[in-house]
Amino acid sequence: MQTLAGKIAVITGSTHGFGYTLAHEMLLAGATVVISGRSPEALAQTVEELRSRGEVSGFDCDVRDEKQVYALAGKTLEKYGRIDIWVNNAGYSAGSGMVLDVPPAMILDMFLANDLGTYYGTQAALHHMLERKTGVLVNLYGAGSNGKAASPTGMYATTKAWITSFTRSLASEIRNSGVQVIGFSPGMMLTGMLTQPVVFGERGKEKMSRFSFVLRFLAKPPEIAAGQLVRVLAKNKREFVEIHVMKPWTPLLGLIRVGWENLTKTGTRPEYFARYVDAYRPDFRQTQENPEEV
């Protein structure tokens, strides 16, 4: 069903994972889709794969670079004349582990991609949408959006908590502008970010020792969340809405399903491969050996 027919949609970070799946589902719903990614090779391959589903274009974009994000919007406007939907999807997890065990350089890069990437994308989209008094902005929530502790993915969760607060503040500030804002939490999905994690330190390894089982009863194929977001985009009339694919009863239903699968010897176990690395430890020797006297 062509529920998004005639819509021009931009999805950042869409050469793999949820972004790729969302692009596929939006094309099937009739939208014209602009995908983006850091790798020109991956971008060209993805456009070729999706072309049979509908009108799709791809532009290089590293969302950590403000100018590249604005260029993505500019190229889309130059080719299609408008932007109806903008999805700030680009982002990743630097790894799992205790918050003091993850290298600061990796944390900084993750914040640049997840948070500033969302900020730049919001600026680029709303510069156009607010002027037209129409459009839909989608920001991706995740672990941490509920404000609770999220070990052993605490640093990634912190980026999602930031996005949640940012999105709520933004929605309040642009109320009655004609632009819709959607905070969308897709839940746990069977993508590489969860099935092939980097795990820092012994405590992180211990925390993640049963994660393959967690994936089995909680994680879903990305098509489920992508399909739900497409339906929301097609039907939502509210100025601001937050959608959570994972419900309070999801864990219980997942455990019941896994129990039945074990009893009947049915179902499949998701592929899971973790890479374990040493915990980060700062080097204090230089400051200890050469203290500056004030």
Protein backbone atom coordinates (compact mmCIF):
# COMPACT_ATOMS: atom_id res chain seq x y z
CA MET A 1 0.00 0.00 0.00
CA GLN A 2 1.44 3.36 -1.11
CA THR A 3 0.86 5.17 2.19
CA LEU A 4 3.78 7.58 1.66
CA ALA A 5 3.24 8.22 -2.05
CA GLY A 6 4.64 11.57 -3.17
CA LYS A 7 6.72 12.13 -0.02
CA ILE A 8 10.41 13.07 -0.20
CA ALA A 9 12.30 11.46 2.69
CA VAL A 10 15.91 11.78 3.84
CA ILE A 11 17.44 9.11 6.10
CA THR A 12 20.91 9.64 7.55
CA GLY A 13 23.13 6.62 8.10
CA SER A 14 21.15 4.36 5.80
CA THR A 15 23.59 2.03 4.03
CA HIS A 16 23.14 -0.72 6.64
CA GLY A 17 21.20 -1.69 9.76
CA PHE A 18 17.93 -0.03 10.67
CA GLY A 19 18.48 2.88 8.28
CA TYR A 20 18.77 0.53 5.32
CA THR A 21 15.68 -1.42 6.35
CA LEU A 22 13.72 1.80 6.87
CA ALA A 23 14.71 3.03 3.42
CA HIS A 24 13.46 -0.25 1.95
CA GLU A 25 10.12 -0.02 3.79
CA MET A 26 9.60 3.65 2.87
CA LEU A 27 10.25 2.88 -0.79
CA LEU A 28 7.66 0.11 -0.68
CA ALA A 29 5.24 2.64 0.85
CA GLY A 30 5.72 4.91 -2.17
CA ALA A 31 8.16 7.51 -0.82
CA THR A 32 11.08 8.91 -2.75
CA VAL A 33 14.06 8.19 -0.49
CA VAL A 34 17.44 9.88 -0.17
CA ILE A 35 19.96 7.71 1.66
CA SER A 36 23.34 8.76 3.00
CA GLY A 37 26.50 7.32 4.51
CA ARG A 38 30.21 7.86 4.99
CA SER A 39 31.42 5.31 2.43
CA PRO A 40 30.91 6.19 -1.27
CA GLU A 41 31.32 2.51 -2.17
CA ALA A 42 28.68 1.32 0.31
CA LEU A 43 26.40 4.15 -0.77
CA ALA A 44 26.61 3.22 -4.46
CA GLN A 45 25.99 -0.44 -3.69
CA THR A 46 22.98 0.35 -1.49
CA VAL A 47 21.41 2.62 -4.12
CA GLU A 48 21.80 -0.17 -6.66
CA GLU A 49 20.19 -2.69 -4.30
CA LEU A 50 17.22 -0.45 -3.51
CA ARG A 51 16.60 0.95 -6.98
CA SER A 52 14.15 -1.78 -7.95
CA ARG A 53 11.91 -0.77 -5.00
CA GLY A 54 11.36 2.82 -6.08
CA GLU A 55 12.93 6.24 -6.60
CA VAL A 56 16.12 6.41 -4.52
CA SER A 57 19.19 8.62 -4.50
CA GLY A 58 22.30 8.59 -2.35
CA PHE A 59 24.70 11.31 -1.19
CA ASP A 60 27.90 11.07 0.84
CA CYS A 61 27.47 12.46 4.34
CA ASP A 62 29.41 12.16 7.57
CA VAL A 63 26.98 13.54 10.14
CA ARG A 64 29.86 14.52 12.41
CA ASP A 65 30.61 17.29 9.91
CA GLU A 66 28.10 20.16 10.04
CA LYS A 67 28.77 21.31 6.47
CA GLN A 68 28.25 17.82 5.04
CA VAL A 69 24.84 17.54 6.72
CA TYR A 70 23.75 20.90 5.31
CA ALA A 71 25.08 19.82 1.92
CA LEU A 72 22.93 16.67 2.12
CA ALA A 73 19.84 18.83 2.60
CA GLY A 74 20.94 21.18 -0.17
CA LYS A 75 21.50 18.38 -2.69
CA THR A 76 18.11 16.88 -1.85
CA LEU A 77 16.39 20.23 -2.37
CA GLU A 78 18.26 20.78 -5.61
CA LYS A 79 17.15 17.41 -6.99
CA TYR A 80 13.62 17.10 -5.60
CA GLY A 81 12.59 20.63 -4.60
CA ARG A 82 11.52 19.89 -1.02
CA ILE A 83 11.98 17.64 2.01
CA ASP A 84 8.83 16.17 3.59
CA ILE A 85 10.44 13.74 6.07
CA TRP A 86 13.87 13.82 7.68
CA VAL A 87 15.03 10.88 9.82
CA ASN A 88 18.07 11.42 12.04
CA ASN A 89 19.07 7.77 12.12
CA ALA A 90 22.88 7.91 11.88
CA GLY A 91 24.62 6.77 15.04
CA TYR A 92 26.35 3.84 16.65
CA SER A 93 27.56 2.33 19.92
CA ALA A 94 31.27 2.64 20.72
CA GLY A 95 31.01 -0.58 22.69
CA SER A 96 29.76 -2.15 25.89
CA GLY A 97 31.40 -2.03 29.29
CA MET A 98 31.51 -0.04 32.47
CA VAL A 99 31.39 3.72 31.85
CA LEU A 100 34.98 4.20 33.10
CA ASP A 101 36.29 1.38 30.90
CA VAL A 102 35.40 2.84 27.48
CA PRO A 103 38.16 4.95 25.82
CA PRO A 104 37.33 8.70 25.89
CA ALA A 105 38.29 9.14 22.23
CA MET A 106 35.68 6.56 21.21
CA ILE A 107 33.09 8.18 23.47
CA LEU A 108 33.76 11.58 21.90
CA ASP A 109 33.36 10.20 18.39
CA MET A 110 30.10 8.51 19.38
CA PHE A 111 28.75 11.75 20.84
CA LEU A 112 29.70 13.59 17.66
CA ALA A 113 27.84 11.08 15.50
CA ASN A 114 24.82 10.39 17.69
CA ASP A 115 24.16 13.78 19.26
CA LEU A 116 25.75 16.50 17.16
CA GLY A 117 24.75 14.51 14.08
CA THR A 118 21.14 14.69 15.27
CA TYR A 119 21.54 18.40 16.04
CA TYR A 120 23.01 19.18 12.61
CA GLY A 121 20.31 17.14 10.88
CA THR A 122 17.61 18.93 12.83
CA GLN A 123 19.05 22.31 11.86
CA ALA A 124 19.26 21.32 8.20
CA ALA A 125 15.73 19.91 8.05
CA LEU A 126 13.97 22.62 10.03
CA HIS A 127 15.63 25.46 8.15
CA HIS A 128 13.56 24.24 5.21
CA MET A 129 10.47 22.85 6.97
CA LEU A 130 9.74 25.83 9.24
CA GLU A 131 9.75 28.13 6.24
CA ARG A 132 7.21 25.89 4.48
CA LYS A 133 5.25 25.34 7.72
CA THR A 134 5.11 21.61 7.04
CA GLY A 135 7.24 18.51 7.36
CA VAL A 136 8.10 15.67 9.74
CA LEU A 137 11.29 15.31 11.76
CA VAL A 138 12.13 11.91 13.29
CA ASN A 139 14.78 11.49 15.98
CA LEU A 140 15.86 8.03 17.11
CA TYR A 141 15.58 7.22 20.80
CA GLY A 142 17.04 4.12 22.44
CA ALA A 143 18.46 2.67 25.64
CA GLY A 144 18.76 5.56 28.07
CA SER A 145 15.73 7.45 26.81
CA ASN A 146 13.82 6.39 29.92
CA GLY A 147 16.41 8.06 32.17
CA LYS A 148 17.37 4.83 33.94
CA ALA A 149 20.79 3.24 34.41
CA ALA A 150 21.73 1.21 31.35
CA SER A 151 24.94 -0.71 32.16
CA PRO A 152 26.80 -2.15 30.34
CA THR A 153 25.79 0.24 27.55
CA GLY A 154 25.84 3.33 29.76
CA MET A 155 27.80 5.64 27.45
CA TYR A 156 25.63 4.83 24.41
CA ALA A 157 22.54 5.26 26.59
CA THR A 158 23.81 8.70 27.60
CA THR A 159 23.77 9.80 23.96
CA LYS A 160 20.17 8.63 23.62
CA ALA A 161 19.15 10.39 26.83
CA TRP A 162 20.57 13.58 25.32
CA ILE A 163 18.59 13.05 22.10
CA THR A 164 15.39 12.48 24.09
CA SER A 165 15.77 15.68 26.11
CA PHE A 166 16.79 17.63 23.00
CA THR A 167 13.79 16.35 21.04
CA ARG A 168 11.31 17.20 23.79
CA SER A 169 12.72 20.70 24.17
CA LEU A 170 12.66 21.23 20.41
CA ALA A 171 9.06 20.03 20.11
CA SER A 172 8.02 22.48 22.80
CA GLU A 173 9.84 25.37 21.14
CA ILE A 174 8.38 24.86 17.65
CA ARG A 175 4.82 24.13 18.76
CA ASN A 176 2.16 25.39 16.31
CA SER A 177 4.76 25.74 13.53
CA GLY A 178 3.15 23.14 11.26
CA VAL A 179 6.16 20.81 11.62
CA GLN A 180 5.64 17.45 13.30
CA VAL A 181 8.27 15.90 15.58
CA ILE A 182 8.47 12.17 16.28
CA GLY A 183 10.68 10.57 18.91
CA PHE A 184 10.95 6.94 17.84
CA SER A 185 12.45 4.16 19.96
CA PRO A 186 12.80 1.01 17.82
CA GLY A 187 13.66 -1.33 20.69
CA MET A 188 16.31 -4.02 20.46
CA MET A 189 16.95 -5.04 16.87
CA LEU A 190 18.96 -7.84 15.30
CA THR A 191 21.52 -5.61 13.61
CA GLY A 192 25.31 -5.64 13.79
CA MET A 193 25.39 -3.09 16.60
CA LEU A 194 23.89 -5.68 18.98
CA THR A 195 24.96 -8.97 17.41
CA GLN A 196 28.65 -8.02 16.98
CA PRO A 197 29.49 -5.75 19.93
CA VAL A 198 32.89 -4.65 21.20
CA VAL A 199 33.09 -5.29 24.94
CA PHE A 200 35.55 -3.46 27.20
CA GLY A 201 37.00 -4.95 30.37
CA GLU A 202 36.34 -7.94 32.58
CA ARG A 203 33.25 -6.47 34.21
CA GLY A 204 31.82 -5.70 30.80
CA LYS A 205 32.54 -9.27 29.71
CA GLU A 206 30.77 -10.57 32.80
CA LYS A 207 27.75 -8.32 32.21
CA MET A 208 27.52 -9.43 28.58
CA SER A 209 27.95 -13.15 29.26
CA ARG A 210 24.22 -13.82 28.86
CA PHE A 211 23.54 -11.23 26.19
CA SER A 212 22.91 -13.80 23.45
CA PHE A 213 19.95 -15.04 25.51
CA VAL A 214 18.72 -11.47 26.00
CA LEU A 215 18.81 -11.03 22.23
CA ARG A 216 16.81 -14.20 21.78
CA PHE A 217 13.82 -13.08 23.85
CA LEU A 218 13.94 -9.30 23.33
CA ALA A 219 15.51 -8.47 19.95
CA LYS A 220 13.45 -8.36 16.77
CA PRO A 221 14.30 -8.08 13.07
CA PRO A 222 14.61 -4.39 12.07
CA GLU A 223 11.72 -4.79 9.62
CA ILE A 224 9.27 -4.77 12.55
CA ALA A 225 10.32 -1.36 13.86
CA ALA A 226 10.73 0.05 10.34
CA GLY A 227 7.23 -1.03 9.41
CA GLN A 228 5.80 0.57 12.53
CA LEU A 229 7.57 3.86 11.84
CA VAL A 230 6.20 3.90 8.29
CA ARG A 231 2.69 3.42 9.66
CA VAL A 232 3.19 6.25 12.14
CA LEU A 233 4.45 8.54 9.39
CA ALA A 234 1.41 7.71 7.28
CA LYS A 235 -1.22 8.24 9.99
CA ASN A 236 0.11 10.57 12.70
CA LYS A 237 -1.60 13.97 12.98
CA ARG A 238 -0.13 15.11 16.29
CA GLU A 239 2.53 17.81 16.51
CA PHE A 240 4.69 15.73 18.84
CA VAL A 241 4.55 12.04 19.56
CA GLU A 242 6.89 9.50 21.14
CA ILE A 243 6.67 5.91 19.96
CA HIS A 244 8.23 2.97 21.82
CA VAL A 245 8.21 -0.32 19.98
CA MET A 246 9.21 -2.21 23.13
CA LYS A 247 6.30 -2.29 25.58
CA PRO A 248 6.38 -3.01 29.35
CA TRP A 249 5.04 -6.49 28.68
CA THR A 250 7.53 -7.32 25.90
CA PRO A 251 10.08 -9.10 28.18
CA LEU A 252 7.42 -11.39 29.67
CA LEU A 253 6.02 -12.31 26.26
CA GLY A 254 9.56 -12.92 25.02
CA LEU A 255 10.33 -15.30 27.88
CA ILE A 256 7.09 -17.20 27.27
CA ARG A 257 7.94 -17.49 23.56
CA VAL A 258 11.47 -18.75 24.26
CA GLY A 259 10.12 -21.25 26.79
CA TRP A 260 7.70 -22.61 24.21
CA GLU A 261 10.45 -22.80 21.58
CA ASN A 262 12.64 -24.76 23.99
CA LEU A 263 9.78 -27.12 24.80
CA THR A 264 8.86 -27.72 21.16
CA LYS A 265 12.44 -27.53 19.89
CA THR A 266 11.52 -24.77 17.45
CA GLY A 267 12.76 -21.25 16.84
CA THR A 268 16.26 -20.06 16.05
CA ARG A 269 19.06 -18.51 18.07
CA PRO A 270 20.34 -15.17 16.75
CA GLU A 271 23.94 -15.05 15.59
CA TYR A 272 26.11 -13.38 18.20
CA PHE A 273 29.81 -12.64 18.27
CA ALA A 274 31.41 -10.31 20.80
CA ARG A 275 34.95 -8.95 20.56
CA TYR A 276 36.56 -8.50 23.97
CA VAL A 277 39.22 -5.87 24.57
CA ASP A 278 41.00 -4.52 27.63
CA ALA A 279 39.42 -1.80 29.72
CA TYR A 280 40.67 1.74 29.18
CA ARG A 281 42.98 3.02 31.87
CA PRO A 282 44.25 6.63 31.82
CA ASP A 283 47.96 7.31 32.16
CA PHE A 284 48.45 9.59 35.16
CA ARG A 285 52.24 9.20 35.24
CA GLN A 286 53.08 12.41 33.40
CA THR A 287 50.96 14.60 35.67
CA GLN A 288 52.30 12.83 38.73
CA GLU A 289 55.95 13.21 37.68
CA ASN A 290 55.69 16.82 36.53
CA PRO A 291 53.09 18.57 38.64
CA GLU A 292 52.60 22.24 37.94
CA GLU A 293 52.81 24.42 41.00
CA VAL A 294 50.27 27.25 41.20
